[in-house]
Amino acid sequence: MTGPIFKIAILFITISNLQLAAQSYHDHAELGKRMKQLASKHPDLVELQSIGESAAGRELWVAKINSGDHPKPAILLVGNVDGRTVVGSKICLAFIEHLVKDDAKTTPASLLKQVSCYVIPSINPDAAESFFQTPLVESAFNACPVDEDNDGRVDEDGVDDLNGDGMITRMCVRDPAGDWIFDSSDSASLRPAKKTKGEKGEYLLYSEGLDNDKDGNINEDGTGGVNINRNFAFRYAPFSTGAGPYPMSAAESKALAAFCFQHPEIALVFSFSPNHNIFKPWPHAEKAPSSSKKRERRRQKPIEKVPEPDHTALAAMGEILGKMLPMTGIPASKSGNGALSEWAYFHYGRWSLSTPAWFVPSVTDSSNEKIERKQKPPLTEYQRISAWLKQNGQPQAVLNWQEIEHPDFPGRQVMIGGIKPFAGINPPADSLPSLFKRYIPVLSRLPDFISKLHIYNDGVKALYAGVYRVSVRVVNNGFLPTHTVLGSRMKWTRKIKLALALSSGQSVIEGRPFYLIDRIDAYGSSRELSWIIKSAKGKRVTLTASNPMVFSTSLVLELK
């Protein structure tokens, strides 16, 4: 059968498969397969490489999407920074697919003329893989064995599926020394007891499991690992859970840092992370104290707040992008300890923007009014997630508390229940296409922020016969300064190079063959430079202002 009906059927199946792919999550094998397909189908645009392997040997894929061979600044997009949020990987993949659209008139084509895009959909694939395994358990750790309880053994006391439902949820144990109680307004909801108001706790709260190593603790040394988003060098917190034995100890964080430093053209890093700064900027540094001694003491301390010029720029970008992401119920940004997004700014010296890929929106009632505004006392996080899941067709993700017999707590009440793993941090798969429509315009807007250099002729003046003064201004007409404040202090962040190219018979009497410029602020800020050149009348000189992180430019001047 090869007629029109058969061809229509094949087309319908193909479209259905594409829609199904868009409305489902990918494990590591499927993600890698899809990226290889895109690279194979679009070899002129997509270059795929592995920058290393995870602790479990999974490839860390990065796709370079680029059009043309001329140098240009780049944007780095990183997903799955919090290993539990597989939705970030899907958005990254959708953005790659958007960039390789065949229509030359589309936004992707013009975008790729401006910048290159490096996309790492999953920087923590070991943790992401737990989303696809049984039992289902939330994990932000890679597979590197770690002795978390310092007893000389590794991974000996992990979680256990005690009720056989294929999920690892929460476990509460009745105990007068507990800190948790069931809420009177919602008998299924546990919350911390308000001891300052006279409430007494009734339950201890654990993750579901046993005391496998018989040391009196439950699940204190599970499988893995290192939380990649706690392993970067900025504000690293030694000995904290998931931080790893030392900064950059994880293969994944080490590979990402090495990739960044190997690519000086990266101007901006965008990551999907709980340590976000789009909806609320990071804290900014106070003005420098007047006393010279205070200034000296301040110089000796690590810089942990954003200097004011950069704070203004980051806040402005956040305001623009935040309006493009109409979200409610935005969670507070978590203060990072070893977080990627903060490392990218404070240590790598690049502009860094971050947002959670998804979070549970504000819960509304039948009149579409936000329940959080009406609820007194306010909803707990559990209640908010539970209410949203029930309102949005996922009541099965809110698990009733089930009483069990527990060998470590004989004769005591033990119950298992709570929220289904991942339900409160990744959206339902059928909502992914609408999420892509929200994020792709945001990601496509990023090149507009990058610095744009222009050279303006301030005059060519004949001083004597065959001697000319050439004066120019190097202007940054971009939204951002050419460098971050911290980036301009770092020796591995390249300066702007303004080079003068002469032809045969020309020479410089005064001035340098090239100048190195630290930083030029945004919105028309400039640097003025001049040369005195010996040359025959009518000859030309070429000036080029370049830096890997900015849009570079050239100017040809005739000496007359």
Protein backbone atom coordinates (compact mmCIF):
# COMPACT_ATOMS: atom_id res chain seq x y z
CA MET A 1 0.00 0.00 0.00
CA THR A 2 1.71 3.16 -1.21
CA GLY A 3 -1.14 5.51 -1.96
CA PRO A 4 -2.07 8.86 -0.42
CA ILE A 5 -3.83 7.27 2.58
CA PHE A 6 -0.69 5.32 3.48
CA LYS A 7 1.45 8.50 3.21
CA ILE A 8 -1.00 10.44 5.39
CA ALA A 9 -0.89 7.62 7.94
CA ILE A 10 2.93 7.71 8.01
CA LEU A 11 2.84 11.51 8.43
CA PHE A 12 0.33 11.20 11.28
CA ILE A 13 2.49 8.60 13.03
CA THR A 14 5.59 10.79 12.63
CA ILE A 15 3.85 13.87 14.03
CA SER A 16 2.40 11.80 16.87
CA ASN A 17 5.86 10.48 17.74
CA LEU A 18 7.28 14.01 17.76
CA GLN A 19 4.46 15.20 20.01
CA LEU A 20 5.00 12.23 22.30
CA ALA A 21 8.74 13.02 22.47
CA ALA A 22 7.94 16.61 23.42
CA GLN A 23 5.52 15.43 26.11
CA SER A 24 7.81 12.94 27.86
CA TYR A 25 11.04 13.03 29.80
CA HIS A 26 14.26 11.48 28.49
CA ASP A 27 16.62 9.26 30.43
CA HIS A 28 20.34 9.67 29.76
CA ALA A 29 20.46 7.14 26.92
CA GLU A 30 17.51 8.72 25.10
CA LEU A 31 18.85 12.23 25.66
CA GLY A 32 22.20 11.28 24.15
CA LYS A 33 20.48 9.55 21.25
CA ARG A 34 18.39 12.62 20.49
CA MET A 35 21.42 14.93 20.57
CA LYS A 36 23.34 12.63 18.21
CA GLN A 37 20.39 12.66 15.83
CA LEU A 38 20.35 16.46 15.80
CA ALA A 39 24.11 16.62 15.19
CA SER A 40 23.82 14.07 12.37
CA LYS A 41 20.89 15.85 10.73
CA HIS A 42 22.40 19.34 11.04
CA PRO A 43 26.19 18.89 10.74
CA ASP A 44 26.55 22.48 9.51
CA LEU A 45 25.01 23.83 12.71
CA VAL A 46 25.49 21.30 15.52
CA GLU A 47 28.77 19.95 16.82
CA LEU A 48 28.44 17.38 19.60
CA GLN A 49 31.20 16.46 21.99
CA SER A 50 31.66 14.83 25.38
CA ILE A 51 33.50 16.94 27.94
CA GLY A 52 33.93 14.03 30.33
CA GLU A 53 32.06 11.35 32.20
CA SER A 54 30.00 11.32 35.37
CA ALA A 55 30.98 9.25 38.38
CA ALA A 56 28.94 6.38 36.93
CA GLY A 57 30.53 6.71 33.48
CA ARG A 58 27.72 8.60 31.76
CA GLU A 59 28.84 11.00 29.04
CA LEU A 60 28.59 14.73 29.74
CA TRP A 61 27.33 15.98 26.40
CA VAL A 62 27.70 19.53 25.12
CA ALA A 63 26.24 20.73 21.84
CA LYS A 64 27.76 23.71 20.07
CA ILE A 65 25.22 25.38 17.82
CA ASN A 66 26.88 27.81 15.45
CA SER A 67 26.47 29.31 11.99
CA GLY A 68 29.51 30.39 10.01
CA ASP A 69 33.21 30.31 10.81
CA HIS A 70 33.83 33.87 12.01
CA PRO A 71 34.67 34.40 15.71
CA LYS A 72 31.78 35.53 17.86
CA PRO A 73 30.80 35.59 21.54
CA ALA A 74 29.04 32.59 23.04
CA ILE A 75 26.33 31.77 25.54
CA LEU A 76 26.52 28.71 27.78
CA LEU A 77 23.23 27.06 28.81
CA VAL A 78 23.34 24.41 31.56
CA GLY A 79 20.47 22.19 32.66
CA ASN A 80 19.93 19.66 35.44
CA VAL A 81 22.15 21.64 37.84
CA ASP A 82 19.91 20.42 40.63
CA GLY A 83 20.10 16.73 39.72
CA ARG A 84 16.45 16.15 40.57
CA THR A 85 15.08 18.68 38.05
CA VAL A 86 15.04 16.74 34.81
CA VAL A 87 12.78 19.41 33.33
CA GLY A 88 15.84 21.62 32.82
CA SER A 89 17.32 19.02 30.45
CA LYS A 90 14.13 19.00 28.39
CA ILE A 91 14.14 22.79 28.03
CA CYS A 92 17.78 22.69 26.91
CA LEU A 93 16.99 20.03 24.32
CA ALA A 94 13.97 21.98 23.09
CA PHE A 95 16.17 25.07 22.67
CA ILE A 96 18.66 23.11 20.54
CA GLU A 97 15.78 21.89 18.38
CA HIS A 98 14.55 25.46 18.09
CA LEU A 99 17.97 26.74 16.98
CA VAL A 100 18.31 24.26 14.13
CA LYS A 101 15.03 25.12 12.43
CA ASP A 102 15.52 25.10 8.66
CA ASP A 103 13.76 28.37 7.84
CA ALA A 104 16.47 31.01 7.27
CA LYS A 105 13.96 33.77 8.04
CA THR A 106 13.34 32.57 11.59
CA THR A 107 14.75 34.07 14.77
CA PRO A 108 17.21 31.16 15.27
CA ALA A 109 18.99 31.97 12.01
CA SER A 110 19.55 35.60 12.99
CA LEU A 111 20.46 34.58 16.54
CA LEU A 112 23.21 32.25 15.34
CA LYS A 113 24.69 35.03 13.23
CA GLN A 114 25.28 36.93 16.48
CA VAL A 115 26.47 34.25 18.89
CA SER A 116 27.43 30.64 19.30
CA CYS A 117 25.45 28.61 21.81
CA TYR A 118 26.92 25.89 24.00
CA VAL A 119 24.23 23.72 25.56
CA ILE A 120 24.84 21.14 28.30
CA PRO A 121 21.40 19.60 28.95
CA SER A 122 22.49 17.48 31.92
CA ILE A 123 25.52 18.21 34.07
CA ASN A 124 24.43 15.71 36.74
CA PRO A 125 23.15 12.69 34.78
CA ASP A 126 23.68 10.22 37.64
CA ALA A 127 21.18 12.07 39.82
CA ALA A 128 18.78 12.62 36.91
CA GLU A 129 18.72 8.90 36.18
CA SER A 130 16.98 8.26 39.52
CA PHE A 131 13.88 9.81 37.92
CA PHE A 132 13.66 6.76 35.64
CA GLN A 133 14.58 3.99 38.09
CA THR A 134 12.72 1.80 40.55
CA PRO A 135 12.23 2.42 43.37
CA LEU A 136 11.58 6.04 42.54
CA VAL A 137 13.70 8.21 44.83
CA GLU A 138 14.68 11.87 44.65
CA SER A 139 18.45 12.28 44.58
CA ALA A 140 20.66 15.28 43.89
CA PHE A 141 23.86 13.22 44.23
CA ASN A 142 26.10 11.68 41.61
CA ALA A 143 27.21 8.05 41.92
CA CYS A 144 30.59 8.74 43.56
CA PRO A 145 30.77 6.62 46.74
CA VAL A 146 31.11 8.80 49.84
CA ASP A 147 31.45 7.81 53.50
CA GLU A 148 28.85 10.27 54.71
CA ASP A 149 28.77 9.06 58.32
CA ASN A 150 32.56 8.60 58.64
CA ASP A 151 32.38 5.00 59.79
CA GLY A 152 34.90 3.64 57.29
CA ARG A 153 32.24 2.24 54.96
CA VAL A 154 30.46 3.76 51.97
CA ASP A 155 26.84 3.64 50.84
CA GLU A 156 25.92 1.03 53.47
CA ASP A 157 22.74 2.64 54.80
CA GLY A 158 20.51 3.80 51.96
CA VAL A 159 16.76 4.01 51.51
CA ASP A 160 14.38 1.01 51.49
CA ASP A 161 10.95 0.62 49.90
CA LEU A 162 9.18 -0.66 53.01
CA ASN A 163 5.63 -0.77 51.66
CA GLY A 164 6.56 -2.04 48.19
CA ASP A 165 4.89 0.77 46.25
CA GLY A 166 7.95 1.43 44.10
CA MET A 167 8.61 4.84 45.69
CA ILE A 168 10.70 6.24 48.50
CA THR A 169 8.62 8.82 50.36
CA ARG A 170 8.57 10.11 53.95
CA MET A 171 8.33 8.09 57.14
CA CYS A 172 7.02 9.47 60.43
CA VAL A 173 7.53 7.78 63.79
CA ARG A 174 5.49 8.75 66.85
CA ASP A 175 7.84 10.10 69.48
CA PRO A 176 7.32 12.69 72.24
CA ALA A 177 10.70 14.19 71.32
CA GLY A 178 9.58 14.75 67.74
CA ASP A 179 9.35 18.13 66.03
CA TRP A 180 6.43 17.40 63.68
CA ILE A 181 2.65 17.29 64.02
CA PHE A 182 -0.29 16.70 61.68
CA ASP A 183 -2.02 19.96 60.83
CA SER A 184 -5.50 20.35 62.30
CA SER A 185 -6.82 21.89 59.07
CA ASP A 186 -5.39 19.08 56.91
CA SER A 187 -5.11 15.72 58.63
CA ALA A 188 -2.81 14.40 55.88
CA SER A 189 -0.29 17.23 56.20
CA LEU A 190 2.72 17.13 58.50
CA ARG A 191 4.25 20.42 59.58
CA PRO A 192 6.79 21.58 62.16
CA ALA A 193 5.30 22.17 65.60
CA LYS A 194 5.24 25.82 66.65
CA LYS A 195 6.90 25.31 70.01
CA THR A 196 7.04 29.05 70.70
CA LYS A 197 3.23 29.00 70.65
CA GLY A 198 2.93 26.02 72.97
CA GLU A 199 2.58 23.25 70.38
CA LYS A 200 4.30 19.96 71.13
CA GLY A 201 5.82 17.78 68.45
CA GLU A 202 4.52 14.23 68.10
CA TYR A 203 6.54 12.65 65.28
CA LEU A 204 10.08 12.20 64.08
CA LEU A 205 10.43 12.50 60.31
CA TYR A 206 12.71 10.35 58.13
CA SER A 207 12.99 9.25 54.55
CA GLU A 208 11.59 5.77 54.05
CA GLY A 209 14.10 3.12 55.13
CA LEU A 210 15.82 0.97 57.73
CA ASP A 211 18.84 1.26 59.96
CA ASN A 212 20.80 -1.11 57.73
CA ASP A 213 24.16 -0.66 59.46
CA LYS A 214 22.66 -0.76 62.99
CA ASP A 215 24.30 2.46 64.15
CA GLY A 216 21.10 4.05 65.44
CA ASN A 217 20.59 6.25 62.38
CA ILE A 218 18.39 5.76 59.32
CA ASN A 219 19.48 6.37 55.71
CA GLU A 220 22.49 8.45 56.77
CA ASP A 221 24.85 6.92 54.18
CA GLY A 222 22.96 6.18 51.00
CA THR A 223 24.07 5.56 47.44
CA GLY A 224 26.38 8.35 46.21
CA GLY A 225 27.52 10.95 46.30
CA VAL A 226 28.34 14.51 45.54
CA ASN A 227 25.78 17.19 44.79
CA ILE A 228 27.33 18.96 41.79
CA ASN A 229 25.63 22.19 42.77
CA ARG A 230 27.49 22.17 46.10
CA ASN A 231 30.91 21.23 44.70
CA PHE A 232 32.01 24.42 42.94
CA ALA A 233 34.72 26.52 44.54
CA PHE A 234 32.80 29.70 45.35
CA ARG A 235 31.64 29.75 48.98
CA TYR A 236 32.33 26.03 49.20
CA ALA A 237 31.09 24.54 52.50
CA PRO A 238 33.46 21.74 53.59
CA PHE A 239 31.99 18.74 55.42
CA SER A 240 28.42 19.68 54.49
CA THR A 241 26.10 17.07 53.00
CA GLY A 242 26.77 16.54 49.30
CA ALA A 243 29.68 19.00 49.11
CA GLY A 244 32.27 16.32 48.37
CA PRO A 245 35.72 15.97 49.95
CA TYR A 246 37.04 19.22 48.42
CA PRO A 247 36.02 21.86 45.84
CA MET A 248 35.80 20.59 42.27
CA SER A 249 36.36 17.01 43.46
CA ALA A 250 33.48 15.70 41.32
CA ALA A 251 34.27 14.69 37.76
CA GLU A 252 31.23 16.66 36.56
CA SER A 253 32.09 20.02 38.16
CA LYS A 254 35.73 19.62 37.16
CA ALA A 255 34.78 18.90 33.54
CA LEU A 256 32.42 21.88 33.36
CA ALA A 257 34.98 24.28 34.85
CA ALA A 258 37.66 23.03 32.45
CA PHE A 259 35.29 23.51 29.52
CA CYS A 260 34.52 27.07 30.62
CA PHE A 261 38.15 28.09 30.89
CA GLN A 262 38.93 26.49 27.53
CA HIS A 263 36.33 28.75 25.92
CA PRO A 264 37.15 32.42 26.54
CA GLU A 265 34.39 33.45 24.15
CA ILE A 266 31.68 32.56 26.67
CA ALA A 267 30.16 35.90 27.70
CA LEU A 268 27.10 34.75 29.64
CA VAL A 269 26.14 31.61 31.55
CA PHE A 270 22.46 30.75 31.94
CA SER A 271 21.59 27.87 34.25
CA PHE A 272 18.47 26.26 35.62
CA SER A 273 19.15 26.30 39.33
CA PRO A 274 17.53 26.96 42.73
CA ASN A 275 20.23 29.62 43.31
CA HIS A 276 18.42 32.03 41.01
CA ASN A 277 18.82 35.76 40.43
CA ILE A 278 16.30 36.65 37.73
CA PHE A 279 13.28 37.25 39.95
CA LYS A 280 15.35 38.66 42.80
CA PRO A 281 18.94 39.86 42.30
CA TRP A 282 21.74 38.54 44.47
CA PRO A 283 22.84 40.80 47.36
CA HIS A 284 25.05 43.67 46.28
CA ALA A 285 28.17 45.00 47.97
CA GLU A 286 27.99 48.09 50.13
CA LYS A 287 29.86 51.22 49.17
CA ALA A 288 33.54 51.16 49.99
CA PRO A 289 34.27 52.48 53.52
CA SER A 290 36.04 55.81 53.77
CA SER A 291 38.82 54.67 56.09
CA SER A 292 41.89 53.36 54.28
CA LYS A 293 42.38 50.72 56.98
CA LYS A 294 38.83 49.51 56.53
CA ARG A 295 39.37 49.37 52.78
CA GLU A 296 42.51 47.31 53.30
CA ARG A 297 40.72 44.85 55.60
CA ARG A 298 37.93 44.59 53.07
CA ARG A 299 40.37 43.71 50.29
CA GLN A 300 41.62 40.76 52.34
CA LYS A 301 38.16 39.17 52.55
CA PRO A 302 36.66 37.05 49.76
CA ILE A 303 34.15 38.98 47.66
CA GLU A 304 30.74 37.40 48.22
CA LYS A 305 28.42 40.20 47.13
CA VAL A 306 27.93 41.66 43.69
CA PRO A 307 29.68 45.03 43.17
CA GLU A 308 27.22 47.82 42.44
CA PRO A 309 27.89 48.37 38.71
CA ASP A 310 27.31 44.68 38.01
CA HIS A 311 24.35 44.48 40.40
CA THR A 312 22.56 47.15 38.37
CA ALA A 313 23.21 45.27 35.11
CA LEU A 314 22.13 41.90 36.50
CA ALA A 315 18.98 43.42 38.03
CA ALA A 316 18.09 45.07 34.71
CA MET A 317 18.42 41.79 32.82
CA GLY A 318 16.41 40.04 35.52
CA GLU A 319 13.62 42.58 35.26
CA ILE A 320 13.37 42.16 31.48
CA LEU A 321 13.45 38.37 31.56
CA GLY A 322 11.22 38.13 34.62
CA LYS A 323 8.45 39.95 32.74
CA MET A 324 8.81 37.35 29.97
CA LEU A 325 8.30 34.56 32.53
CA PRO A 326 4.91 35.31 34.08
CA MET A 327 5.10 32.99 37.08
CA THR A 328 3.47 33.00 40.50
CA GLY A 329 4.60 31.36 43.69
CA ILE A 330 8.28 31.94 42.92
CA PRO A 331 10.39 30.25 45.62
CA ALA A 332 13.03 32.23 47.45
CA SER A 333 16.50 31.91 45.98
CA LYS A 334 18.63 29.53 47.99
CA SER A 335 21.92 30.95 49.21
CA GLY A 336 24.52 28.93 47.39
CA ASN A 337 27.37 26.99 48.92
CA GLY A 338 29.42 25.71 46.01
CA ALA A 339 26.65 26.62 43.53
CA LEU A 340 27.33 26.72 39.79
CA SER A 341 25.42 29.93 39.06
CA GLU A 342 27.37 31.92 41.66
CA TRP A 343 30.71 30.35 40.71
CA ALA A 344 30.12 31.42 37.10
CA TYR A 345 29.98 35.05 38.20
CA PHE A 346 32.30 35.29 41.20
CA HIS A 347 35.07 32.93 40.04
CA TYR A 348 34.68 32.52 36.29
CA GLY A 349 34.02 36.24 35.93
CA ARG A 350 31.12 36.01 33.47
CA TRP A 351 27.59 37.37 33.52
CA SER A 352 25.47 34.69 35.15
CA LEU A 353 21.70 34.34 35.11
CA SER A 354 19.74 31.56 36.74
CA THR A 355 16.16 30.51 37.36
CA PRO A 356 14.40 27.36 38.53
CA ALA A 357 13.23 25.48 35.45
CA TRP A 358 9.84 24.97 37.11
CA PHE A 359 8.19 25.24 40.49
CA VAL A 360 4.70 24.72 41.85
CA PRO A 361 2.73 27.88 41.00
CA SER A 362 0.51 29.72 43.43
CA VAL A 363 -2.62 27.80 44.34
CA THR A 364 -5.95 29.41 43.45
CA ASP A 365 -9.51 28.78 44.58
CA SER A 366 -12.66 28.60 42.45
CA SER A 367 -12.72 32.40 42.09
CA ASN A 368 -9.11 32.30 40.78
CA GLU A 369 -7.91 34.15 43.88
CA LYS A 370 -4.63 33.06 45.37
CA ILE A 371 -5.29 30.84 48.37
CA GLU A 372 -1.98 31.89 49.93
CA ARG A 373 -3.32 35.42 50.37
CA LYS A 374 -6.47 34.23 52.15
CA GLN A 375 -4.99 31.41 54.21
CA LYS A 376 -4.18 32.23 57.82
CA PRO A 377 -1.86 30.81 58.92
CA PRO A 378 -0.17 30.53 55.48
CA LEU A 379 0.02 27.22 53.68
CA THR A 380 3.02 25.05 54.41
CA GLU A 381 5.14 23.91 51.46
CA TYR A 382 3.56 20.45 51.70
CA GLN A 383 0.03 21.90 51.71
CA ARG A 384 0.78 24.18 48.78
CA ILE A 385 2.21 21.37 46.64
CA SER A 386 -0.58 19.00 47.69
CA ALA A 387 -3.30 21.52 46.83
CA TRP A 388 -1.77 22.31 43.44
CA LEU A 389 -1.40 18.63 42.52
CA LYS A 390 -5.02 17.96 43.40
CA GLN A 391 -6.19 21.02 41.44
CA ASN A 392 -4.20 19.99 38.38
CA GLY A 393 -5.29 16.42 37.88
CA GLN A 394 -2.62 14.66 39.95
CA PRO A 395 -4.34 13.62 43.18
CA GLN A 396 -2.55 10.26 42.95
CA ALA A 397 0.74 12.09 43.60
CA VAL A 398 -0.47 12.95 47.10
CA LEU A 399 -0.05 9.71 49.01
CA ASN A 400 -2.16 8.80 52.02
CA TRP A 401 -0.25 7.94 55.17
CA GLN A 402 -0.04 4.18 55.54
CA GLU A 403 0.76 2.52 58.87
CA ILE A 404 3.41 -0.21 58.79
CA GLU A 405 5.33 -2.47 61.18
CA HIS A 406 8.93 -1.30 61.39
CA PRO A 407 11.67 -3.57 62.82
CA ASP A 408 13.68 -0.63 64.14
CA PHE A 409 10.65 0.81 66.02
CA PRO A 410 8.82 -2.18 67.56
CA GLY A 411 5.51 -1.32 69.20
CA ARG A 412 5.51 2.27 67.93
CA GLN A 413 3.33 3.95 65.34
CA VAL A 414 5.17 4.27 62.01
CA MET A 415 3.53 5.67 58.88
CA ILE A 416 4.67 6.15 55.30
CA GLY A 417 3.26 8.78 52.95
CA GLY A 418 3.70 12.29 51.61
CA ILE A 419 4.24 13.60 48.07
CA LYS A 420 5.28 11.31 45.23
CA PRO A 421 8.99 11.78 44.45
CA PHE A 422 9.69 14.52 41.87
CA ALA A 423 6.02 15.62 41.71
CA GLY A 424 6.71 18.97 43.36
CA ILE A 425 9.84 19.86 41.35
CA ASN A 426 9.07 18.67 37.79
CA PRO A 427 5.85 19.52 35.92
CA PRO A 428 3.56 16.91 34.38
CA ALA A 429 5.01 15.74 31.07
CA ASP A 430 1.98 16.92 29.10
CA SER A 431 2.69 20.51 30.16
CA LEU A 432 6.21 20.54 28.69
CA PRO A 433 5.27 22.11 25.31
CA SER A 434 3.72 25.13 27.05
CA LEU A 435 6.85 25.44 29.19
CA PHE A 436 9.02 25.44 26.07
CA LYS A 437 6.96 28.29 24.60
CA ARG A 438 7.67 30.28 27.76
CA TYR A 439 11.42 29.70 27.92
CA ILE A 440 12.54 29.73 24.27
CA PRO A 441 11.82 33.47 23.82
CA VAL A 442 13.72 34.15 27.04
CA LEU A 443 16.78 32.18 25.91
CA SER A 444 16.57 33.74 22.45
CA ARG A 445 16.71 37.20 24.05
CA LEU A 446 20.10 36.62 25.71
CA PRO A 447 22.28 37.69 22.71
CA ASP A 448 20.66 41.14 22.85
CA PHE A 449 22.42 41.81 26.16
CA ILE A 450 25.97 41.14 24.99
CA SER A 451 28.36 44.07 24.56
CA LYS A 452 28.68 45.54 21.05
CA LEU A 453 31.85 47.42 20.15
CA HIS A 454 32.07 50.10 17.48
CA ILE A 455 35.00 52.27 16.40
CA TYR A 456 34.19 55.86 15.50
CA ASN A 457 36.50 58.17 13.58
CA ASP A 458 37.28 61.24 15.67
CA GLY A 459 39.37 62.71 12.87
CA VAL A 460 42.41 62.24 10.64
CA LYS A 461 44.59 65.35 10.71
CA ALA A 462 47.64 66.03 8.54
CA LEU A 463 50.33 67.44 10.85
CA TYR A 464 53.12 67.69 8.27
CA ALA A 465 53.76 66.29 4.85
CA GLY A 466 53.42 62.53 5.26
CA VAL A 467 52.59 62.73 9.01
CA TYR A 468 49.03 62.24 10.31
CA ARG A 469 47.26 62.13 13.65
CA VAL A 470 44.56 59.46 13.81
CA SER A 471 42.01 59.74 16.64
CA VAL A 472 39.25 57.23 17.36
CA ARG A 473 36.71 56.30 20.01
CA VAL A 474 35.97 52.68 20.93
CA VAL A 475 32.33 52.68 21.99
CA ASN A 476 30.28 49.98 23.68
CA ASN A 477 26.74 50.32 22.35
CA GLY A 478 25.57 47.16 24.11
CA PHE A 479 23.29 46.56 27.05
CA LEU A 480 26.09 45.16 29.24
CA PRO A 481 29.58 46.40 30.06
CA THR A 482 32.26 44.51 28.18
CA HIS A 483 33.41 42.77 31.38
CA THR A 484 32.01 42.14 34.81
CA VAL A 485 33.79 44.04 37.59
CA LEU A 486 35.26 40.81 38.88
CA GLY A 487 36.05 39.57 35.38
CA SER A 488 38.13 42.66 34.68
CA ARG A 489 40.27 41.82 37.70
CA MET A 490 40.93 38.26 36.59
CA LYS A 491 44.00 37.60 34.49
CA TRP A 492 42.30 34.82 32.48
CA THR A 493 39.52 37.17 31.33
CA ARG A 494 40.94 38.71 28.17
CA LYS A 495 41.02 42.46 27.69
CA ILE A 496 39.75 44.34 24.66
CA LYS A 497 42.47 44.58 22.06
CA LEU A 498 42.49 47.64 19.82
CA ALA A 499 44.99 46.86 17.07
CA LEU A 500 46.37 49.11 14.35
CA ALA A 501 47.24 47.41 11.04
CA LEU A 502 49.63 49.26 8.72
CA SER A 503 50.56 48.63 5.12
CA SER A 504 53.98 48.73 3.48
CA GLY A 505 55.78 52.06 3.91
CA GLN A 506 53.77 53.12 6.97
CA SER A 507 55.11 53.39 10.53
CA VAL A 508 53.97 54.57 13.96
CA ILE A 509 55.74 57.67 15.30
CA GLU A 510 53.69 57.95 18.50
CA GLY A 511 51.43 55.33 20.02
CA ARG A 512 51.45 51.57 20.26
CA PRO A 513 50.69 48.92 17.65
CA PHE A 514 47.86 47.82 19.92
CA TYR A 515 46.22 48.85 23.19
CA LEU A 516 44.64 46.61 25.81
CA ILE A 517 41.49 48.00 27.43
CA ASP A 518 40.20 46.55 30.71
CA ARG A 519 36.50 47.37 30.58
CA ILE A 520 34.08 49.68 28.83
CA ASP A 521 30.74 50.38 30.46
CA ALA A 522 27.46 50.03 28.58
CA TYR A 523 25.12 52.41 26.74
CA GLY A 524 27.63 54.38 24.68
CA SER A 525 30.55 54.49 27.09
CA SER A 526 33.85 54.83 25.29
CA ARG A 527 37.64 55.03 25.33
CA GLU A 528 39.54 57.57 23.23
CA LEU A 529 42.89 56.73 21.63
CA SER A 530 45.17 58.29 19.03
CA TRP A 531 48.32 57.66 17.00
CA ILE A 532 50.76 59.70 14.96
CA ILE A 533 51.53 57.81 11.77
CA LYS A 534 54.07 58.35 9.02
CA SER A 535 52.49 57.47 5.70
CA ALA A 536 52.11 58.51 2.08
CA LYS A 537 48.94 60.46 1.39
CA GLY A 538 45.91 58.37 0.39
CA LYS A 539 47.04 55.19 2.05
CA ARG A 540 44.78 53.43 4.51
CA VAL A 541 45.08 52.01 8.03
CA THR A 542 42.79 49.43 9.64
CA LEU A 543 41.74 49.49 13.28
CA THR A 544 40.18 46.42 14.90
CA ALA A 545 38.63 46.23 18.38
CA SER A 546 38.22 42.65 19.48
CA ASN A 547 37.54 40.49 22.49
CA PRO A 548 36.25 36.91 22.49
CA MET A 549 33.25 37.86 24.70
CA VAL A 550 31.90 40.81 22.72
CA PHE A 551 30.71 41.70 19.23
CA SER A 552 33.94 42.97 17.63
CA THR A 553 34.38 45.58 14.91
CA SER A 554 36.83 47.15 12.44
CA LEU A 555 37.30 50.56 10.86
CA VAL A 556 39.31 51.52 7.76
CA LEU A 557 40.60 55.10 7.57
CA GLU A 558 42.15 56.90 4.61
CA LEU A 559 45.04 59.23 5.46
CA LYS A 560 44.54 62.52 3.64
